[in-house]
Amino acid sequence: MTGKGLPDFKGKNVPYFSNIPVKGLADLMGKAKTVRYARKEVLGPSANPDSFFIVFYGNVRVCRGNAENSNQVTVDIAEPNASFGEIALLTDELRSVTAITLQNTLFAVILKNDFNAWLMEYLDVKFAFLTVSAEKPGS
């Protein structure tokens, strides 16, 4: 573990981070918070609705629809290095997916306010986020 309890993380395996310079990535990850969830916990849109989640270990079912009934549609199974919530960082929209942990899971969570402060120093990386977001399933 390094920093605020995050594993040693280079970021090059996360698509959004592949083109960010090493120093920029270190600065961004310095703003991340570690969050642990037990198996079968639900992170609905109201749980950190304007945050970006990176899976460090564990698996998460990412779906659209209501967590209380069977109207859910799975859009992704997020494994380590996967992420969700990028739309919330880049727009004024809140996170619209529900995530259900399939096992004990460790996330790095980047809040929108922290991301915006970081982005002011690294304005050129916003386009890298937009390109990857357009290619991601369920975006």
C-alpha atoms as a PDB file:
ATOM      1  CA  MET A   1       0.000   0.000   0.000  1.00  0.00           C
ATOM      2  CA  THR A   2       1.126   3.531  -0.673  1.00  0.00           C
ATOM      3  CA  GLY A   3      -0.169   7.019  -0.032  1.00  0.00           C
ATOM      4  CA  LYS A   4      -3.588   7.049   1.620  1.00  0.00           C
ATOM      5  CA  GLY A   5      -3.826   3.274   1.864  1.00  0.00           C
ATOM      6  CA  LEU A   6      -3.883   2.762  -1.904  1.00  0.00           C
ATOM      7  CA  PRO A   7      -1.908  -0.058  -3.454  1.00  0.00           C
ATOM      8  CA  ASP A   8       1.182   0.858  -5.425  1.00  0.00           C
ATOM      9  CA  PHE A   9      -0.587   2.130  -8.516  1.00  0.00           C
ATOM     10  CA  LYS A  10       0.998   3.157 -11.782  1.00  0.00           C
ATOM     11  CA  GLY A  11      -2.335   3.777 -13.542  1.00  0.00           C
ATOM     12  CA  LYS A  12      -1.286   2.736 -17.010  1.00  0.00           C
ATOM     13  CA  ASN A  13      -3.760  -0.196 -16.909  1.00  0.00           C
ATOM     14  CA  VAL A  14      -6.740   2.128 -16.396  1.00  0.00           C
ATOM     15  CA  PRO A  15      -7.761   3.389 -19.850  1.00  0.00           C
ATOM     16  CA  TYR A  16      -8.454   6.941 -18.645  1.00  0.00           C
ATOM     17  CA  PHE A  17      -4.980   7.210 -17.177  1.00  0.00           C
ATOM     18  CA  SER A  18      -2.877   5.678 -19.945  1.00  0.00           C
ATOM     19  CA  ASN A  19      -1.893   9.048 -21.443  1.00  0.00           C
ATOM     20  CA  ILE A  20      -1.467  11.038 -18.241  1.00  0.00           C
ATOM     21  CA  PRO A  21       2.140  11.912 -17.365  1.00  0.00           C
ATOM     22  CA  VAL A  22       3.549  10.095 -14.321  1.00  0.00           C
ATOM     23  CA  LYS A  23       3.642  13.244 -12.166  1.00  0.00           C
ATOM     24  CA  GLY A  24       0.083  14.180 -13.129  1.00  0.00           C
ATOM     25  CA  LEU A  25      -1.164  10.710 -12.287  1.00  0.00           C
ATOM     26  CA  ALA A  26       0.652  10.761  -8.945  1.00  0.00           C
ATOM     27  CA  ASP A  27      -0.919  14.139  -8.159  1.00  0.00           C
ATOM     28  CA  LEU A  28      -4.400  12.850  -9.060  1.00  0.00           C
ATOM     29  CA  MET A  29      -4.041   9.648  -7.051  1.00  0.00           C
ATOM     30  CA  GLY A  30      -2.856  11.753  -4.114  1.00  0.00           C
ATOM     31  CA  LYS A  31      -6.392  13.174  -4.043  1.00  0.00           C
ATOM     32  CA  ALA A  32      -8.077   9.739  -4.093  1.00  0.00           C
ATOM     33  CA  LYS A  33      -9.705   8.218  -1.025  1.00  0.00           C
ATOM     34  CA  THR A  34      -9.655   4.511  -0.229  1.00  0.00           C
ATOM     35  CA  VAL A  35     -13.071   2.923   0.208  1.00  0.00           C
ATOM     36  CA  ARG A  36     -13.720  -0.730   1.043  1.00  0.00           C
ATOM     37  CA  TYR A  37     -17.022  -2.484   0.501  1.00  0.00           C
ATOM     38  CA  ALA A  38     -18.028  -5.978   1.569  1.00  0.00           C
ATOM     39  CA  ARG A  39     -19.497  -8.537  -0.806  1.00  0.00           C
ATOM     40  CA  LYS A  40     -23.046  -7.781  -2.030  1.00  0.00           C
ATOM     41  CA  GLU A  41     -23.005  -4.114  -1.001  1.00  0.00           C
ATOM     42  CA  VAL A  42     -24.950  -1.785  -3.273  1.00  0.00           C
ATOM     43  CA  LEU A  43     -23.481   1.526  -4.389  1.00  0.00           C
ATOM     44  CA  GLY A  44     -26.520   3.189  -5.855  1.00  0.00           C
ATOM     45  CA  PRO A  45     -26.390   6.502  -7.699  1.00  0.00           C
ATOM     46  CA  SER A  46     -26.862   8.311  -4.379  1.00  0.00           C
ATOM     47  CA  ALA A  47     -23.589   6.842  -3.012  1.00  0.00           C
ATOM     48  CA  ASN A  48     -20.973   9.422  -4.014  1.00  0.00           C
ATOM     49  CA  PRO A  49     -23.039  10.480  -7.049  1.00  0.00           C
ATOM     50  CA  ASP A  50     -20.371  12.836  -8.402  1.00  0.00           C
ATOM     51  CA  SER A  51     -17.388  10.539  -7.928  1.00  0.00           C
ATOM     52  CA  PHE A  52     -15.130   8.374 -10.069  1.00  0.00           C
ATOM     53  CA  PHE A  53     -14.470   4.836  -8.803  1.00  0.00           C
ATOM     54  CA  ILE A  54     -11.424   2.713  -9.676  1.00  0.00           C
ATOM     55  CA  VAL A  55     -11.482  -0.961  -8.690  1.00  0.00           C
ATOM     56  CA  PHE A  56      -8.201  -2.041  -7.101  1.00  0.00           C
ATOM     57  CA  TYR A  57      -9.312  -5.510  -6.101  1.00  0.00           C
ATOM     58  CA  GLY A  58     -12.600  -7.336  -6.187  1.00  0.00           C
ATOM     59  CA  ASN A  59     -15.334  -7.475  -8.825  1.00  0.00           C
ATOM     60  CA  VAL A  60     -18.342  -5.234  -9.230  1.00  0.00           C
ATOM     61  CA  ARG A  61     -21.502  -5.657 -11.282  1.00  0.00           C
ATOM     62  CA  VAL A  62     -22.338  -2.315 -12.880  1.00  0.00           C
ATOM     63  CA  CYS A  63     -25.965  -2.011 -13.926  1.00  0.00           C
ATOM     64  CA  ARG A  64     -28.730   0.376 -14.839  1.00  0.00           C
ATOM     65  CA  GLY A  65     -32.124   0.152 -13.194  1.00  0.00           C
ATOM     66  CA  ASN A  66     -33.551  -0.290  -9.742  1.00  0.00           C
ATOM     67  CA  ALA A  67     -31.496  -2.289  -7.214  1.00  0.00           C
ATOM     68  CA  GLU A  68     -34.632  -3.333  -5.311  1.00  0.00           C
ATOM     69  CA  ASN A  69     -36.265  -5.206  -8.168  1.00  0.00           C
ATOM     70  CA  SER A  70     -35.437  -7.257 -11.224  1.00  0.00           C
ATOM     71  CA  ASN A  71     -35.451  -4.313 -13.643  1.00  0.00           C
ATOM     72  CA  GLN A  72     -31.653  -4.147 -13.684  1.00  0.00           C
ATOM     73  CA  VAL A  73     -29.585  -4.482 -16.840  1.00  0.00           C
ATOM     74  CA  THR A  74     -25.924  -5.356 -16.373  1.00  0.00           C
ATOM     75  CA  VAL A  75     -23.712  -3.080 -18.449  1.00  0.00           C
ATOM     76  CA  ASP A  76     -20.333  -4.268 -17.159  1.00  0.00           C
ATOM     77  CA  ILE A  77     -18.506  -6.467 -14.688  1.00  0.00           C
ATOM     78  CA  ALA A  78     -15.792  -4.210 -13.324  1.00  0.00           C
ATOM     79  CA  GLU A  79     -12.614  -6.048 -12.402  1.00  0.00           C
ATOM     80  CA  PRO A  80      -9.341  -4.614 -11.075  1.00  0.00           C
ATOM     81  CA  ASN A  81      -8.251  -1.507 -13.007  1.00  0.00           C
ATOM     82  CA  ALA A  82     -11.801  -0.946 -14.263  1.00  0.00           C
ATOM     83  CA  SER A  83     -13.647   2.229 -13.406  1.00  0.00           C
ATOM     84  CA  PHE A  84     -17.037   3.908 -13.448  1.00  0.00           C
ATOM     85  CA  GLY A  85     -18.410   7.368 -12.731  1.00  0.00           C
ATOM     86  CA  GLU A  86     -16.423   9.240 -15.363  1.00  0.00           C
ATOM     87  CA  ILE A  87     -19.512  11.018 -16.684  1.00  0.00           C
ATOM     88  CA  ALA A  88     -20.028  12.537 -13.233  1.00  0.00           C
ATOM     89  CA  LEU A  89     -16.497  13.959 -13.346  1.00  0.00           C
ATOM     90  CA  LEU A  90     -16.761  15.436 -16.811  1.00  0.00           C
ATOM     91  CA  THR A  91     -20.316  16.796 -16.795  1.00  0.00           C
ATOM     92  CA  ASP A  92     -22.863  18.157 -14.355  1.00  0.00           C
ATOM     93  CA  GLU A  93     -24.743  14.852 -14.504  1.00  0.00           C
ATOM     94  CA  LEU A  94     -24.702  12.634 -11.432  1.00  0.00           C
ATOM     95  CA  ARG A  95     -23.629   8.994 -11.620  1.00  0.00           C
ATOM     96  CA  SER A  96     -26.516   7.006 -13.096  1.00  0.00           C
ATOM     97  CA  VAL A  97     -25.376   3.416 -12.595  1.00  0.00           C
ATOM     98  CA  THR A  98     -25.721   1.110  -9.637  1.00  0.00           C
ATOM     99  CA  ALA A  99     -22.750  -1.005  -8.621  1.00  0.00           C
ATOM    100  CA  ILE A 100     -23.042  -4.208  -6.606  1.00  0.00           C
ATOM    101  CA  THR A 101     -19.878  -5.724  -5.197  1.00  0.00           C
ATOM    102  CA  LEU A 102     -19.521  -9.398  -6.092  1.00  0.00           C
ATOM    103  CA  GLN A 103     -16.792  -9.864  -3.475  1.00  0.00           C
ATOM    104  CA  ASN A 104     -14.950  -7.711  -0.941  1.00  0.00           C
ATOM    105  CA  THR A 105     -13.746  -4.772  -3.006  1.00  0.00           C
ATOM    106  CA  LEU A 106     -11.253  -1.942  -2.586  1.00  0.00           C
ATOM    107  CA  PHE A 107     -11.833   1.255  -4.563  1.00  0.00           C
ATOM    108  CA  ALA A 108      -9.998   4.496  -5.069  1.00  0.00           C
ATOM    109  CA  VAL A 109     -12.631   7.227  -5.168  1.00  0.00           C
ATOM    110  CA  ILE A 110     -11.935  10.603  -6.720  1.00  0.00           C
ATOM    111  CA  LEU A 111     -14.460  13.306  -5.865  1.00  0.00           C
ATOM    112  CA  LYS A 112     -15.493  15.763  -8.561  1.00  0.00           C
ATOM    113  CA  ASN A 113     -14.226  18.784  -6.592  1.00  0.00           C
ATOM    114  CA  ASP A 114     -10.814  17.155  -6.199  1.00  0.00           C
ATOM    115  CA  PHE A 115     -10.751  16.169  -9.877  1.00  0.00           C
ATOM    116  CA  ASN A 116     -11.657  19.705 -10.980  1.00  0.00           C
ATOM    117  CA  ALA A 117      -8.887  21.195  -8.846  1.00  0.00           C
ATOM    118  CA  TRP A 118      -6.406  18.714 -10.349  1.00  0.00           C
ATOM    119  CA  LEU A 119      -7.707  19.318 -13.875  1.00  0.00           C
ATOM    120  CA  MET A 120      -6.895  23.027 -13.623  1.00  0.00           C
ATOM    121  CA  GLU A 121      -3.221  21.985 -13.617  1.00  0.00           C
ATOM    122  CA  TYR A 122      -3.642  19.324 -16.343  1.00  0.00           C
ATOM    123  CA  LEU A 123      -6.236  20.737 -18.751  1.00  0.00           C
ATOM    124  CA  ASP A 124      -4.972  18.722 -21.711  1.00  0.00           C
ATOM    125  CA  VAL A 125      -5.998  15.364 -20.193  1.00  0.00           C
ATOM    126  CA  LYS A 126      -9.742  16.063 -20.301  1.00  0.00           C
ATOM    127  CA  PHE A 127      -9.795  15.017 -23.960  1.00  0.00           C
ATOM    128  CA  ALA A 128      -8.268  11.635 -23.070  1.00  0.00           C
ATOM    129  CA  PHE A 129     -11.186  11.037 -20.688  1.00  0.00           C
ATOM    130  CA  LEU A 130     -13.762  11.992 -23.315  1.00  0.00           C
ATOM    131  CA  THR A 131     -12.272   9.660 -25.942  1.00  0.00           C
ATOM    132  CA  VAL A 132     -12.249   6.632 -23.640  1.00  0.00           C
ATOM    133  CA  SER A 133     -15.717   7.432 -22.310  1.00  0.00           C
ATOM    134  CA  ALA A 134     -17.164   7.359 -25.842  1.00  0.00           C
ATOM    135  CA  GLU A 135     -15.735   3.848 -26.326  1.00  0.00           C
ATOM    136  CA  LYS A 136     -16.889   2.396 -22.988  1.00  0.00           C
ATOM    137  CA  PRO A 137     -19.932   0.049 -22.851  1.00  0.00           C
ATOM    138  CA  GLY A 138     -22.991   1.616 -21.258  1.00  0.00           C
ATOM    139  CA  SER A 139     -21.690   5.171 -21.602  1.00  0.00           C
END
